[in-house]
Amino acid sequence: MSAIFKRSRPDRGLDYVHYLGDGDSKAFSAVQNSAPYQVDKMECCGHVQKRMGKRLMDRVSSLKGSVFTDAKGKKVKGIGGAGKLTQKATKRIQGHYGGAIRNNAGNLASMKKAIWAIWKHRGDDHRDCLEWCASKQGKPVKNVLPKFVVDAIKPVFEALTKDDLLKKCLHGGSQNPNESFHHLIWERCPKTVFVGRRRLELGFFDAVLVFNGGESERLKVLKNLNINPGHHAIKFAFGVDTNRIKRSVYGGDLDHIASRRNKSASVAPDDNNYCAGGF
């Protein structure tokens, strides 16, 4: 990565002024130490969003043995579980946090206000809520958390609304296009299998071709090699591209998004060593 920044001036005559990466990536430190000019770090909004869910779950775990007093004066142990902060509620808060960042790109004050509106909403204060709040639609609000839970998760919101973090998210973008491109490379050259340089280069070039233009771009390569693709090859290539577009449109459908979220909330997380957003 650092080599790309080193050669940008002599080879390309330009400076890369921004770097979009993970919060836990060591690559930016290497770039900072080697780049001949100033590079500003931007955070991936998707990874920052996941921090909210991770830190809320960490908060639940750290307060597992703590005793609180609810509104009725009853002693309650911990802040997680039924009637308190559930996994489903955590997922919803995480999603609203990500939405507050993306929907207020370029405006730090509005972004902070929208994020704190999520915390206030859980405490039954809906003055700053937007259209996603049931109270704005004339419906009863069912997801209010007990006051001791709301107070317990406030430090998480304080940490994730700091100016130095949100300023790096003002662009409103993510690494999703990069990760999609990398997926195409790993399909052709799996990380778990050793491949030679020739296969790696061919796999990379083919991934670039398909990522930018779809399967049908391969037909142009064949023609440049004086190979005329047959009817079935043409039909297959355009069929793959058509199906990909259909899946993309279907994936953006609001009902399908809601279905995915409900399914995600109902699946227990596994104990993988790698945890996105866990930094």
C-alpha atoms as a PDB file:
ATOM      1  CA  MET A   1       0.000   0.000   0.000  1.00  0.00           C
ATOM      2  CA  SER A   2       2.735   2.466   0.932  1.00  0.00           C
ATOM      3  CA  ALA A   3       4.383   1.902  -2.481  1.00  0.00           C
ATOM      4  CA  ILE A   4       1.227   3.213  -4.200  1.00  0.00           C
ATOM      5  CA  PHE A   5       1.479   6.511  -2.328  1.00  0.00           C
ATOM      6  CA  LYS A   6       5.256   6.757  -2.817  1.00  0.00           C
ATOM      7  CA  ARG A   7       5.048   6.517  -6.597  1.00  0.00           C
ATOM      8  CA  SER A   8       1.921   8.668  -7.077  1.00  0.00           C
ATOM      9  CA  ARG A   9       3.865  11.896  -7.681  1.00  0.00           C
ATOM     10  CA  PRO A  10       6.725  10.645  -9.869  1.00  0.00           C
ATOM     11  CA  ASP A  11       4.633   8.131 -11.857  1.00  0.00           C
ATOM     12  CA  ARG A  12       1.170   9.731 -11.927  1.00  0.00           C
ATOM     13  CA  GLY A  13       1.754  13.385 -11.103  1.00  0.00           C
ATOM     14  CA  LEU A  14      -0.923  13.415  -8.407  1.00  0.00           C
ATOM     15  CA  ASP A  15      -1.449  13.198  -4.639  1.00  0.00           C
ATOM     16  CA  TYR A  16      -3.884  10.869  -2.882  1.00  0.00           C
ATOM     17  CA  VAL A  17      -5.275  13.271  -0.286  1.00  0.00           C
ATOM     18  CA  HIS A  18      -7.656  10.840   1.454  1.00  0.00           C
ATOM     19  CA  TYR A  19      -7.338   7.288   2.724  1.00  0.00           C
ATOM     20  CA  LEU A  20     -10.489   5.278   3.383  1.00  0.00           C
ATOM     21  CA  GLY A  21      -9.838   2.253   5.589  1.00  0.00           C
ATOM     22  CA  ASP A  22     -10.661   0.235   8.687  1.00  0.00           C
ATOM     23  CA  GLY A  23     -10.176   1.740  12.103  1.00  0.00           C
ATOM     24  CA  ASP A  24      -7.945  -1.202  13.053  1.00  0.00           C
ATOM     25  CA  SER A  25      -5.900  -1.275   9.864  1.00  0.00           C
ATOM     26  CA  LYS A  26      -2.103  -1.029  10.152  1.00  0.00           C
ATOM     27  CA  ALA A  27      -1.843  -0.064   6.500  1.00  0.00           C
ATOM     28  CA  PHE A  28      -2.545   3.617   7.175  1.00  0.00           C
ATOM     29  CA  SER A  29       0.300   3.824   9.697  1.00  0.00           C
ATOM     30  CA  ALA A  30       2.641   2.495   7.023  1.00  0.00           C
ATOM     31  CA  VAL A  31       1.310   5.061   4.539  1.00  0.00           C
ATOM     32  CA  GLN A  32       1.752   7.889   7.043  1.00  0.00           C
ATOM     33  CA  ASN A  33       5.345   6.921   7.693  1.00  0.00           C
ATOM     34  CA  SER A  34       6.301   6.570   4.038  1.00  0.00           C
ATOM     35  CA  ALA A  35       4.127   8.990   2.025  1.00  0.00           C
ATOM     36  CA  PRO A  36       5.968  12.135   0.845  1.00  0.00           C
ATOM     37  CA  TYR A  37       2.904  14.291   1.543  1.00  0.00           C
ATOM     38  CA  GLN A  38      -0.002  14.681   3.990  1.00  0.00           C
ATOM     39  CA  VAL A  39      -2.747  12.036   3.777  1.00  0.00           C
ATOM     40  CA  ASP A  40      -6.030  12.397   5.699  1.00  0.00           C
ATOM     41  CA  LYS A  41      -7.635   9.288   7.174  1.00  0.00           C
ATOM     42  CA  MET A  42     -11.334   8.649   6.559  1.00  0.00           C
ATOM     43  CA  GLU A  43     -13.284   5.941   8.379  1.00  0.00           C
ATOM     44  CA  CYS A  44     -15.425   3.340   6.643  1.00  0.00           C
ATOM     45  CA  CYS A  45     -18.968   4.160   7.791  1.00  0.00           C
ATOM     46  CA  GLY A  46     -19.894   0.480   7.685  1.00  0.00           C
ATOM     47  CA  HIS A  47     -17.141  -0.458  10.120  1.00  0.00           C
ATOM     48  CA  VAL A  48     -17.916   2.487  12.406  1.00  0.00           C
ATOM     49  CA  GLN A  49     -21.575   1.416  12.435  1.00  0.00           C
ATOM     50  CA  LYS A  50     -20.561  -2.049  13.635  1.00  0.00           C
ATOM     51  CA  ARG A  51     -18.694  -0.507  16.557  1.00  0.00           C
ATOM     52  CA  MET A  52     -22.021   0.555  18.047  1.00  0.00           C
ATOM     53  CA  GLY A  53     -23.342  -3.009  18.139  1.00  0.00           C
ATOM     54  CA  LYS A  54     -20.035  -4.429  19.405  1.00  0.00           C
ATOM     55  CA  ARG A  55     -19.667  -1.880  22.188  1.00  0.00           C
ATOM     56  CA  LEU A  56     -23.265  -2.242  23.317  1.00  0.00           C
ATOM     57  CA  MET A  57     -22.821  -6.008  23.601  1.00  0.00           C
ATOM     58  CA  ASP A  58     -19.540  -5.464  25.456  1.00  0.00           C
ATOM     59  CA  ARG A  59     -21.397  -3.133  27.812  1.00  0.00           C
ATOM     60  CA  VAL A  60     -24.008  -5.820  28.471  1.00  0.00           C
ATOM     61  CA  SER A  61     -21.256  -8.336  29.243  1.00  0.00           C
ATOM     62  CA  SER A  62     -19.294  -6.005  31.528  1.00  0.00           C
ATOM     63  CA  LEU A  63     -22.412  -5.174  33.590  1.00  0.00           C
ATOM     64  CA  LYS A  64     -23.670  -8.750  33.741  1.00  0.00           C
ATOM     65  CA  GLY A  65     -23.187  -9.017  37.490  1.00  0.00           C
ATOM     66  CA  SER A  66     -24.149  -5.441  38.376  1.00  0.00           C
ATOM     67  CA  VAL A  67     -27.389  -4.778  40.263  1.00  0.00           C
ATOM     68  CA  PHE A  68     -29.722  -1.947  39.275  1.00  0.00           C
ATOM     69  CA  THR A  69     -33.022  -0.598  40.570  1.00  0.00           C
ATOM     70  CA  ASP A  70     -35.894  -0.342  38.103  1.00  0.00           C
ATOM     71  CA  ALA A  71     -38.760   2.166  38.091  1.00  0.00           C
ATOM     72  CA  LYS A  72     -40.760   0.046  40.539  1.00  0.00           C
ATOM     73  CA  GLY A  73     -37.907  -0.135  43.028  1.00  0.00           C
ATOM     74  CA  LYS A  74     -37.149  -3.758  42.198  1.00  0.00           C
ATOM     75  CA  LYS A  75     -33.547  -4.969  42.117  1.00  0.00           C
ATOM     76  CA  VAL A  76     -32.494  -6.113  38.643  1.00  0.00           C
ATOM     77  CA  LYS A  77     -29.276  -7.866  37.628  1.00  0.00           C
ATOM     78  CA  GLY A  78     -27.554  -6.707  34.455  1.00  0.00           C
ATOM     79  CA  ILE A  79     -28.820  -4.616  31.531  1.00  0.00           C
ATOM     80  CA  GLY A  80     -29.308  -7.400  28.974  1.00  0.00           C
ATOM     81  CA  GLY A  81     -32.193  -9.756  28.326  1.00  0.00           C
ATOM     82  CA  ALA A  82     -35.971  -9.566  28.047  1.00  0.00           C
ATOM     83  CA  GLY A  83     -37.383  -6.185  28.976  1.00  0.00           C
ATOM     84  CA  LYS A  84     -33.907  -4.664  28.767  1.00  0.00           C
ATOM     85  CA  LEU A  85     -31.275  -4.481  26.026  1.00  0.00           C
ATOM     86  CA  THR A  86     -31.826  -7.497  23.774  1.00  0.00           C
ATOM     87  CA  GLN A  87     -29.780  -8.547  20.760  1.00  0.00           C
ATOM     88  CA  LYS A  88     -32.595  -7.386  18.473  1.00  0.00           C
ATOM     89  CA  ALA A  89     -32.650  -3.954  20.114  1.00  0.00           C
ATOM     90  CA  THR A  90     -28.873  -3.731  19.748  1.00  0.00           C
ATOM     91  CA  LYS A  91     -29.138  -4.493  16.023  1.00  0.00           C
ATOM     92  CA  ARG A  92     -31.781  -1.794  15.590  1.00  0.00           C
ATOM     93  CA  ILE A  93     -29.718   0.794  17.455  1.00  0.00           C
ATOM     94  CA  GLN A  94     -26.697  -0.127  15.350  1.00  0.00           C
ATOM     95  CA  GLY A  95     -28.727   0.269  12.155  1.00  0.00           C
ATOM     96  CA  HIS A  96     -30.138   3.644  13.206  1.00  0.00           C
ATOM     97  CA  TYR A  97     -26.628   4.788  14.153  1.00  0.00           C
ATOM     98  CA  GLY A  98     -25.344   3.921  10.679  1.00  0.00           C
ATOM     99  CA  GLY A  99     -28.341   5.653   9.113  1.00  0.00           C
ATOM    100  CA  ALA A 100     -27.729   8.794  11.159  1.00  0.00           C
ATOM    101  CA  ILE A 101     -24.165   8.937   9.814  1.00  0.00           C
ATOM    102  CA  ARG A 102     -25.046   8.341   6.160  1.00  0.00           C
ATOM    103  CA  ASN A 103     -28.150  10.539   6.109  1.00  0.00           C
ATOM    104  CA  ASN A 104     -26.218  13.494   7.508  1.00  0.00           C
ATOM    105  CA  ALA A 105     -23.049  13.262   5.454  1.00  0.00           C
ATOM    106  CA  GLY A 106     -21.266  16.598   5.322  1.00  0.00           C
ATOM    107  CA  ASN A 107     -23.032  18.042   8.373  1.00  0.00           C
ATOM    108  CA  LEU A 108     -21.361  17.252  11.704  1.00  0.00           C
ATOM    109  CA  ALA A 109     -23.927  19.046  13.909  1.00  0.00           C
ATOM    110  CA  SER A 110     -26.898  17.286  12.283  1.00  0.00           C
ATOM    111  CA  MET A 111     -25.098  13.955  12.473  1.00  0.00           C
ATOM    112  CA  LYS A 112     -24.493  14.282  16.224  1.00  0.00           C
ATOM    113  CA  LYS A 113     -28.064  15.413  16.843  1.00  0.00           C
ATOM    114  CA  ALA A 114     -29.467  12.454  14.888  1.00  0.00           C
ATOM    115  CA  ILE A 115     -27.289   9.987  16.823  1.00  0.00           C
ATOM    116  CA  TRP A 116     -28.287  11.391  20.212  1.00  0.00           C
ATOM    117  CA  ALA A 117     -31.924  11.260  19.069  1.00  0.00           C
ATOM    118  CA  ILE A 118     -31.522   7.465  18.995  1.00  0.00           C
ATOM    119  CA  TRP A 119     -30.418   7.431  22.638  1.00  0.00           C
ATOM    120  CA  LYS A 120     -33.206   9.816  23.669  1.00  0.00           C
ATOM    121  CA  HIS A 121     -35.731   7.714  21.752  1.00  0.00           C
ATOM    122  CA  ARG A 122     -34.848   4.680  23.866  1.00  0.00           C
ATOM    123  CA  GLY A 123     -35.483   6.814  26.946  1.00  0.00           C
ATOM    124  CA  ASP A 124     -38.964   7.814  25.677  1.00  0.00           C
ATOM    125  CA  ASP A 125     -37.895  11.319  24.602  1.00  0.00           C
ATOM    126  CA  HIS A 126     -39.019  11.757  20.996  1.00  0.00           C
ATOM    127  CA  ARG A 127     -38.554  15.483  20.456  1.00  0.00           C
ATOM    128  CA  ASP A 128     -35.574  14.982  18.097  1.00  0.00           C
ATOM    129  CA  CYS A 129     -36.834  11.791  16.437  1.00  0.00           C
ATOM    130  CA  LEU A 130     -37.308  11.596  12.681  1.00  0.00           C
ATOM    131  CA  GLU A 131     -39.779   9.680  10.520  1.00  0.00           C
ATOM    132  CA  TRP A 132     -38.447   6.281  11.633  1.00  0.00           C
ATOM    133  CA  CYS A 133     -39.963   6.844  15.092  1.00  0.00           C
ATOM    134  CA  ALA A 134     -43.395   5.332  15.721  1.00  0.00           C
ATOM    135  CA  SER A 135     -44.436   8.450  17.654  1.00  0.00           C
ATOM    136  CA  LYS A 136     -44.130  10.508  14.445  1.00  0.00           C
ATOM    137  CA  GLN A 137     -46.575   8.138  12.758  1.00  0.00           C
ATOM    138  CA  GLY A 138     -49.171   8.318  15.527  1.00  0.00           C
ATOM    139  CA  LYS A 139     -48.345   4.814  16.749  1.00  0.00           C
ATOM    140  CA  PRO A 140     -47.506   3.684  20.293  1.00  0.00           C
ATOM    141  CA  VAL A 141     -43.771   3.377  21.015  1.00  0.00           C
ATOM    142  CA  LYS A 142     -42.989  -0.164  22.159  1.00  0.00           C
ATOM    143  CA  ASN A 143     -39.196  -0.253  22.323  1.00  0.00           C
ATOM    144  CA  VAL A 144     -38.483   2.089  25.231  1.00  0.00           C
ATOM    145  CA  LEU A 145     -35.746   0.847  27.551  1.00  0.00           C
ATOM    146  CA  PRO A 146     -35.715   1.161  31.359  1.00  0.00           C
ATOM    147  CA  LYS A 147     -33.961   4.286  32.612  1.00  0.00           C
ATOM    148  CA  PHE A 148     -31.111   2.332  34.225  1.00  0.00           C
ATOM    149  CA  VAL A 149     -30.375   0.686  30.872  1.00  0.00           C
ATOM    150  CA  VAL A 150     -30.473   4.004  29.001  1.00  0.00           C
ATOM    151  CA  ASP A 151     -28.097   5.533  31.544  1.00  0.00           C
ATOM    152  CA  ALA A 152     -25.786   2.515  31.355  1.00  0.00           C
ATOM    153  CA  ILE A 153     -25.354   2.743  27.570  1.00  0.00           C
ATOM    154  CA  LYS A 154     -24.826   6.514  27.516  1.00  0.00           C
ATOM    155  CA  PRO A 155     -20.988   6.171  27.664  1.00  0.00           C
ATOM    156  CA  VAL A 156     -21.128   4.168  24.418  1.00  0.00           C
ATOM    157  CA  PHE A 157     -22.963   7.014  22.678  1.00  0.00           C
ATOM    158  CA  GLU A 158     -20.532   9.550  24.150  1.00  0.00           C
ATOM    159  CA  ALA A 159     -17.579   7.622  22.748  1.00  0.00           C
ATOM    160  CA  LEU A 160     -19.155   7.165  19.307  1.00  0.00           C
ATOM    161  CA  THR A 161     -20.244  10.792  18.890  1.00  0.00           C
ATOM    162  CA  LYS A 162     -16.827  12.356  19.425  1.00  0.00           C
ATOM    163  CA  ASP A 163     -15.950  14.983  16.854  1.00  0.00           C
ATOM    164  CA  ASP A 164     -12.635  13.394  15.867  1.00  0.00           C
ATOM    165  CA  LEU A 165     -14.451  10.172  14.913  1.00  0.00           C
ATOM    166  CA  LEU A 166     -17.489  11.666  13.172  1.00  0.00           C
ATOM    167  CA  LYS A 167     -15.383  14.120  11.168  1.00  0.00           C
ATOM    168  CA  LYS A 168     -13.782  11.093   9.518  1.00  0.00           C
ATOM    169  CA  CYS A 169     -17.258   9.854   8.570  1.00  0.00           C
ATOM    170  CA  LEU A 170     -18.542  13.049   6.956  1.00  0.00           C
ATOM    171  CA  HIS A 171     -17.922  11.579   3.496  1.00  0.00           C
ATOM    172  CA  GLY A 172     -20.702   9.031   4.168  1.00  0.00           C
ATOM    173  CA  GLY A 173     -18.975   6.258   2.201  1.00  0.00           C
ATOM    174  CA  SER A 174     -17.802   2.735   2.928  1.00  0.00           C
ATOM    175  CA  GLN A 175     -15.388   0.074   1.714  1.00  0.00           C
ATOM    176  CA  ASN A 176     -18.181  -2.059   0.230  1.00  0.00           C
ATOM    177  CA  PRO A 177     -17.066  -1.562  -3.414  1.00  0.00           C
ATOM    178  CA  ASN A 178     -13.509  -2.555  -2.461  1.00  0.00           C
ATOM    179  CA  GLU A 179     -14.692  -5.634  -0.589  1.00  0.00           C
ATOM    180  CA  SER A 180     -16.905  -6.608  -3.517  1.00  0.00           C
ATOM    181  CA  PHE A 181     -13.930  -6.353  -5.865  1.00  0.00           C
ATOM    182  CA  HIS A 182     -11.721  -8.359  -3.490  1.00  0.00           C
ATOM    183  CA  HIS A 183     -14.390 -11.060  -3.395  1.00  0.00           C
ATOM    184  CA  LEU A 184     -14.063 -11.467  -7.159  1.00  0.00           C
ATOM    185  CA  ILE A 185     -10.294 -11.857  -6.819  1.00  0.00           C
ATOM    186  CA  TRP A 186     -10.574 -14.471  -4.047  1.00  0.00           C
ATOM    187  CA  GLU A 187     -13.090 -16.410  -6.174  1.00  0.00           C
ATOM    188  CA  ARG A 188     -10.440 -16.782  -8.847  1.00  0.00           C
ATOM    189  CA  CYS A 189      -7.433 -17.100  -6.538  1.00  0.00           C
ATOM    190  CA  PRO A 190      -8.497 -18.354  -3.087  1.00  0.00           C
ATOM    191  CA  LYS A 191      -6.392 -17.080  -0.201  1.00  0.00           C
ATOM    192  CA  THR A 192      -6.233 -20.607   1.204  1.00  0.00           C
ATOM    193  CA  VAL A 193      -4.519 -22.013  -1.897  1.00  0.00           C
ATOM    194  CA  PHE A 194      -1.097 -21.095  -3.266  1.00  0.00           C
ATOM    195  CA  VAL A 195      -1.165 -19.857  -6.865  1.00  0.00           C
ATOM    196  CA  GLY A 196       1.612 -18.843  -9.213  1.00  0.00           C
ATOM    197  CA  ARG A 197       2.182 -15.314 -10.450  1.00  0.00           C
ATOM    198  CA  ARG A 198       0.655 -15.994 -13.881  1.00  0.00           C
ATOM    199  CA  ARG A 199      -2.621 -17.259 -12.440  1.00  0.00           C
ATOM    200  CA  LEU A 200      -2.693 -14.393  -9.941  1.00  0.00           C
ATOM    201  CA  GLU A 201      -2.239 -11.787 -12.666  1.00  0.00           C
ATOM    202  CA  LEU A 202      -4.840 -13.389 -14.938  1.00  0.00           C
ATOM    203  CA  GLY A 203      -7.279 -13.689 -12.030  1.00  0.00           C
ATOM    204  CA  PHE A 204      -6.736 -10.055 -11.102  1.00  0.00           C
ATOM    205  CA  PHE A 205      -7.192  -8.806 -14.674  1.00  0.00           C
ATOM    206  CA  ASP A 206     -10.335 -10.894 -15.103  1.00  0.00           C
ATOM    207  CA  ALA A 207     -11.731  -9.581 -11.786  1.00  0.00           C
ATOM    208  CA  VAL A 208     -11.172  -5.988 -12.937  1.00  0.00           C
ATOM    209  CA  LEU A 209     -12.874  -6.779 -16.249  1.00  0.00           C
ATOM    210  CA  VAL A 210     -15.967  -8.350 -14.655  1.00  0.00           C
ATOM    211  CA  PHE A 211     -16.207  -5.808 -11.831  1.00  0.00           C
ATOM    212  CA  ASN A 212     -16.222  -2.844 -14.211  1.00  0.00           C
ATOM    213  CA  GLY A 213     -18.254  -4.242 -17.106  1.00  0.00           C
ATOM    214  CA  GLY A 214     -19.828  -7.550 -16.154  1.00  0.00           C
ATOM    215  CA  GLU A 215     -19.475 -11.011 -17.680  1.00  0.00           C
ATOM    216  CA  SER A 216     -20.247  -9.658 -21.143  1.00  0.00           C
ATOM    217  CA  GLU A 217     -16.912  -7.797 -21.159  1.00  0.00           C
ATOM    218  CA  ARG A 218     -15.180 -11.166 -21.531  1.00  0.00           C
ATOM    219  CA  LEU A 219     -16.768 -11.465 -24.976  1.00  0.00           C
ATOM    220  CA  LYS A 220     -14.766  -8.435 -26.141  1.00  0.00           C
ATOM    221  CA  VAL A 221     -11.539 -10.097 -24.983  1.00  0.00           C
ATOM    222  CA  LEU A 222     -12.393 -13.176 -27.013  1.00  0.00           C
ATOM    223  CA  LYS A 223     -13.044 -11.048 -30.106  1.00  0.00           C
ATOM    224  CA  ASN A 224      -9.701  -9.263 -29.649  1.00  0.00           C
ATOM    225  CA  LEU A 225      -8.092 -12.719 -29.627  1.00  0.00           C
ATOM    226  CA  ASN A 226      -9.856 -13.469 -32.930  1.00  0.00           C
ATOM    227  CA  ILE A 227     -12.176 -15.920 -31.200  1.00  0.00           C
ATOM    228  CA  ASN A 228     -15.815 -15.500 -32.142  1.00  0.00           C
ATOM    229  CA  PRO A 229     -18.003 -16.404 -29.121  1.00  0.00           C
ATOM    230  CA  GLY A 230     -20.895 -18.707 -29.945  1.00  0.00           C
ATOM    231  CA  HIS A 231     -24.588 -18.243 -29.280  1.00  0.00           C
ATOM    232  CA  HIS A 232     -24.547 -20.104 -25.972  1.00  0.00           C
ATOM    233  CA  ALA A 233     -21.520 -18.145 -24.671  1.00  0.00           C
ATOM    234  CA  ILE A 234     -23.213 -14.832 -25.489  1.00  0.00           C
ATOM    235  CA  LYS A 235     -26.501 -15.956 -23.958  1.00  0.00           C
ATOM    236  CA  PHE A 236     -24.740 -17.128 -20.796  1.00  0.00           C
ATOM    237  CA  ALA A 237     -22.731 -13.902 -20.323  1.00  0.00           C
ATOM    238  CA  PHE A 238     -25.697 -11.578 -20.741  1.00  0.00           C
ATOM    239  CA  GLY A 239     -27.853 -13.890 -18.629  1.00  0.00           C
ATOM    240  CA  VAL A 240     -25.381 -13.652 -15.715  1.00  0.00           C
ATOM    241  CA  ASP A 241     -25.341  -9.841 -15.961  1.00  0.00           C
ATOM    242  CA  THR A 242     -29.139  -9.649 -16.113  1.00  0.00           C
ATOM    243  CA  ASN A 243     -29.538 -11.877 -13.059  1.00  0.00           C
ATOM    244  CA  ARG A 244     -26.966  -9.848 -11.121  1.00  0.00           C
ATOM    245  CA  ILE A 245     -28.890  -6.636 -11.812  1.00  0.00           C
ATOM    246  CA  LYS A 246     -32.157  -8.302 -10.774  1.00  0.00           C
ATOM    247  CA  ARG A 247     -30.598  -9.472  -7.492  1.00  0.00           C
ATOM    248  CA  SER A 248     -29.278  -5.969  -6.868  1.00  0.00           C
ATOM    249  CA  VAL A 249     -32.718  -4.415  -7.396  1.00  0.00           C
ATOM    250  CA  TYR A 250     -34.354  -7.093  -5.242  1.00  0.00           C
ATOM    251  CA  GLY A 251     -31.749  -6.604  -2.514  1.00  0.00           C
ATOM    252  CA  GLY A 252     -32.606  -2.897  -2.383  1.00  0.00           C
ATOM    253  CA  ASP A 253     -36.333  -3.524  -1.999  1.00  0.00           C
ATOM    254  CA  LEU A 254     -37.572  -2.168   1.351  1.00  0.00           C
ATOM    255  CA  ASP A 255     -39.530  -5.320   2.207  1.00  0.00           C
ATOM    256  CA  HIS A 256     -36.515  -7.486   1.448  1.00  0.00           C
ATOM    257  CA  ILE A 257     -34.266  -5.250   3.581  1.00  0.00           C
ATOM    258  CA  ALA A 258     -36.689  -5.560   6.496  1.00  0.00           C
ATOM    259  CA  SER A 259     -36.770  -9.332   6.045  1.00  0.00           C
ATOM    260  CA  ARG A 260     -32.966  -9.533   6.082  1.00  0.00           C
ATOM    261  CA  ARG A 261     -32.792  -7.434   9.234  1.00  0.00           C
ATOM    262  CA  ASN A 262     -35.325  -9.608  11.053  1.00  0.00           C
ATOM    263  CA  LYS A 263     -33.458 -12.745  10.010  1.00  0.00           C
ATOM    264  CA  SER A 264     -30.144 -11.259  11.111  1.00  0.00           C
ATOM    265  CA  ALA A 265     -31.571 -10.285  14.492  1.00  0.00           C
ATOM    266  CA  SER A 266     -32.860 -13.831  15.084  1.00  0.00           C
ATOM    267  CA  VAL A 267     -29.498 -15.516  14.408  1.00  0.00           C
ATOM    268  CA  ALA A 268     -27.146 -15.814  17.362  1.00  0.00           C
ATOM    269  CA  PRO A 269     -23.618 -14.530  16.674  1.00  0.00           C
ATOM    270  CA  ASP A 270     -20.837 -17.079  16.447  1.00  0.00           C
ATOM    271  CA  ASP A 271     -17.612 -16.839  18.411  1.00  0.00           C
ATOM    272  CA  ASN A 272     -15.189 -16.109  15.569  1.00  0.00           C
ATOM    273  CA  ASN A 273     -11.754 -14.750  16.345  1.00  0.00           C
ATOM    274  CA  TYR A 274     -12.319 -11.976  13.837  1.00  0.00           C
ATOM    275  CA  CYS A 275     -15.093  -9.616  14.832  1.00  0.00           C
ATOM    276  CA  ALA A 276     -15.868  -6.723  12.492  1.00  0.00           C
ATOM    277  CA  GLY A 277     -16.104  -3.479  14.403  1.00  0.00           C
ATOM    278  CA  GLY A 278     -14.382  -4.981  17.405  1.00  0.00           C
ATOM    279  CA  PHE A 279     -11.693  -2.375  17.908  1.00  0.00           C
END
